[in-house]
């Protein structure tokens, strides 16, 4: 893949946590949401490069990585859901 094509695909997406000012994060839930977005960006990146991978073993490994990243997203979302449930008042 040429650098120009790669740049066109990625655009201005950073796929990095460098832009996050962690000093401004007010809660654990906000922090977890940041990491969910990072995981989603990672999946997006891998899905964007997948069509350019010709080796079937490499594609298989990449699909395994994508599945693992999606499991991370689910676990983080489950964590938030459980935190929300724990915060509900008991009547």
C-alpha atoms as a PDB file:
ATOM      1  CA  UNK A   1       0.000   0.000   0.000  1.00  0.00           C
ATOM      2  CA  UNK A   2       1.389   3.371  -0.901  1.00  0.00           C
ATOM      3  CA  UNK A   3       1.832   6.063   1.713  1.00  0.00           C
ATOM      4  CA  UNK A   4      -0.613   8.306  -0.156  1.00  0.00           C
ATOM      5  CA  UNK A   5      -3.328   5.630  -0.185  1.00  0.00           C
ATOM      6  CA  UNK A   6      -2.739   4.926   3.487  1.00  0.00           C
ATOM      7  CA  UNK A   7      -2.979   8.640   4.321  1.00  0.00           C
ATOM      8  CA  UNK A   8      -6.221   8.879   2.320  1.00  0.00           C
ATOM      9  CA  UNK A   9      -7.705   5.927   4.219  1.00  0.00           C
ATOM     10  CA  UNK A  10      -6.664   7.103   7.651  1.00  0.00           C
ATOM     11  CA  UNK A  11      -7.253  10.813   7.122  1.00  0.00           C
ATOM     12  CA  UNK A  12      -6.657  12.800  10.271  1.00  0.00           C
ATOM     13  CA  UNK A  13      -7.538   9.945  12.643  1.00  0.00           C
ATOM     14  CA  UNK A  14      -4.763   9.697  15.206  1.00  0.00           C
ATOM     15  CA  UNK A  15      -5.387   6.242  16.762  1.00  0.00           C
ATOM     16  CA  UNK A  16      -3.549   7.550  19.802  1.00  0.00           C
ATOM     17  CA  UNK A  17      -4.186   8.548  23.371  1.00  0.00           C
ATOM     18  CA  UNK A  18      -1.709  11.432  23.069  1.00  0.00           C
ATOM     19  CA  UNK A  19      -4.537  13.896  22.525  1.00  0.00           C
ATOM     20  CA  UNK A  20      -6.297  12.934  25.769  1.00  0.00           C
ATOM     21  CA  UNK A  21      -5.703  15.277  28.679  1.00  0.00           C
ATOM     22  CA  UNK A  22      -6.001  12.793  31.527  1.00  0.00           C
ATOM     23  CA  UNK A  23      -5.824  15.632  34.054  1.00  0.00           C
ATOM     24  CA  UNK A  24      -9.288  16.706  32.871  1.00  0.00           C
ATOM     25  CA  UNK A  25     -10.877  13.256  33.286  1.00  0.00           C
ATOM     26  CA  UNK A  26     -13.326  13.579  36.166  1.00  0.00           C
ATOM     27  CA  UNK A  27     -14.477  10.028  36.749  1.00  0.00           C
ATOM     28  CA  UNK A  28     -13.629   6.394  36.282  1.00  0.00           C
ATOM     29  CA  UNK A  29     -16.571   6.088  33.885  1.00  0.00           C
ATOM     30  CA  UNK A  30     -15.155   8.878  31.705  1.00  0.00           C
ATOM     31  CA  UNK A  31     -11.782   7.158  31.693  1.00  0.00           C
ATOM     32  CA  UNK A  32     -13.334   3.841  30.675  1.00  0.00           C
ATOM     33  CA  UNK A  33     -15.268   5.579  27.890  1.00  0.00           C
ATOM     34  CA  UNK A  34     -11.989   7.038  26.582  1.00  0.00           C
ATOM     35  CA  UNK A  35     -10.510   3.570  26.450  1.00  0.00           C
ATOM     36  CA  UNK A  36     -13.596   2.197  24.707  1.00  0.00           C
ATOM     37  CA  UNK A  37     -13.139   4.815  21.984  1.00  0.00           C
ATOM     38  CA  UNK A  38      -9.456   3.922  21.707  1.00  0.00           C
ATOM     39  CA  UNK A  39     -10.329   0.236  21.319  1.00  0.00           C
ATOM     40  CA  UNK A  40     -12.935   1.110  18.679  1.00  0.00           C
ATOM     41  CA  UNK A  41     -10.348   3.188  16.802  1.00  0.00           C
ATOM     42  CA  UNK A  42      -7.960   0.245  16.925  1.00  0.00           C
ATOM     43  CA  UNK A  43     -10.600  -2.071  15.445  1.00  0.00           C
ATOM     44  CA  UNK A  44     -11.344   0.489  12.748  1.00  0.00           C
ATOM     45  CA  UNK A  45      -7.666   0.728  11.853  1.00  0.00           C
ATOM     46  CA  UNK A  46      -7.260  -3.047  11.607  1.00  0.00           C
ATOM     47  CA  UNK A  47     -10.418  -3.348   9.535  1.00  0.00           C
ATOM     48  CA  UNK A  48      -9.131  -0.648   7.178  1.00  0.00           C
ATOM     49  CA  UNK A  49      -5.846  -2.428   6.525  1.00  0.00           C
ATOM     50  CA  UNK A  50      -7.317  -5.951   6.323  1.00  0.00           C
ATOM     51  CA  UNK A  51      -8.233  -5.787   2.603  1.00  0.00           C
ATOM     52  CA  UNK A  52      -4.615  -5.017   1.753  1.00  0.00           C
ATOM     53  CA  UNK A  53      -3.209  -8.088   3.482  1.00  0.00           C
ATOM     54  CA  UNK A  54      -2.674 -10.846   0.964  1.00  0.00           C
ATOM     55  CA  UNK A  55      -1.228 -13.563   3.204  1.00  0.00           C
ATOM     56  CA  UNK A  56      -4.051 -15.739   4.567  1.00  0.00           C
ATOM     57  CA  UNK A  57      -2.218 -16.581   7.807  1.00  0.00           C
ATOM     58  CA  UNK A  58      -1.651 -12.895   8.493  1.00  0.00           C
ATOM     59  CA  UNK A  59      -5.315 -12.136   7.738  1.00  0.00           C
ATOM     60  CA  UNK A  60      -6.330 -14.892  10.163  1.00  0.00           C
ATOM     61  CA  UNK A  61      -4.096 -13.424  12.868  1.00  0.00           C
ATOM     62  CA  UNK A  62      -5.508  -9.976  12.200  1.00  0.00           C
ATOM     63  CA  UNK A  63      -9.075 -11.277  12.558  1.00  0.00           C
ATOM     64  CA  UNK A  64      -8.054 -12.838  15.885  1.00  0.00           C
ATOM     65  CA  UNK A  65      -6.704  -9.475  17.031  1.00  0.00           C
ATOM     66  CA  UNK A  66      -9.889  -7.700  15.919  1.00  0.00           C
ATOM     67  CA  UNK A  67     -11.992 -10.219  17.848  1.00  0.00           C
ATOM     68  CA  UNK A  68      -9.855  -9.655  20.947  1.00  0.00           C
ATOM     69  CA  UNK A  69     -10.216  -5.872  20.664  1.00  0.00           C
ATOM     70  CA  UNK A  70     -13.998  -6.306  20.364  1.00  0.00           C
ATOM     71  CA  UNK A  71     -13.929  -8.444  23.533  1.00  0.00           C
ATOM     72  CA  UNK A  72     -12.106  -5.587  25.277  1.00  0.00           C
ATOM     73  CA  UNK A  73     -14.854  -3.192  24.194  1.00  0.00           C
ATOM     74  CA  UNK A  74     -17.550  -5.538  25.512  1.00  0.00           C
ATOM     75  CA  UNK A  75     -15.763  -5.979  28.844  1.00  0.00           C
ATOM     76  CA  UNK A  76     -15.349  -2.223  29.242  1.00  0.00           C
ATOM     77  CA  UNK A  77     -19.015  -1.633  28.398  1.00  0.00           C
ATOM     78  CA  UNK A  78     -20.025  -4.363  30.855  1.00  0.00           C
ATOM     79  CA  UNK A  79     -17.892  -2.646  33.508  1.00  0.00           C
ATOM     80  CA  UNK A  80     -19.749   0.634  32.954  1.00  0.00           C
ATOM     81  CA  UNK A  81     -23.120  -1.145  33.008  1.00  0.00           C
ATOM     82  CA  UNK A  82     -22.287  -2.851  36.308  1.00  0.00           C
ATOM     83  CA  UNK A  83     -21.066   0.441  37.753  1.00  0.00           C
ATOM     84  CA  UNK A  84     -24.347   2.084  36.712  1.00  0.00           C
ATOM     85  CA  UNK A  85     -26.333  -0.746  38.316  1.00  0.00           C
ATOM     86  CA  UNK A  86     -24.345  -0.429  41.535  1.00  0.00           C
ATOM     87  CA  UNK A  87     -25.099   3.280  41.647  1.00  0.00           C
ATOM     88  CA  UNK A  88     -28.875   2.778  41.442  1.00  0.00           C
ATOM     89  CA  UNK A  89     -30.687   3.544  44.686  1.00  0.00           C
ATOM     90  CA  UNK A  90     -32.239   0.595  46.491  1.00  0.00           C
ATOM     91  CA  UNK A  91     -35.933   1.035  47.355  1.00  0.00           C
END
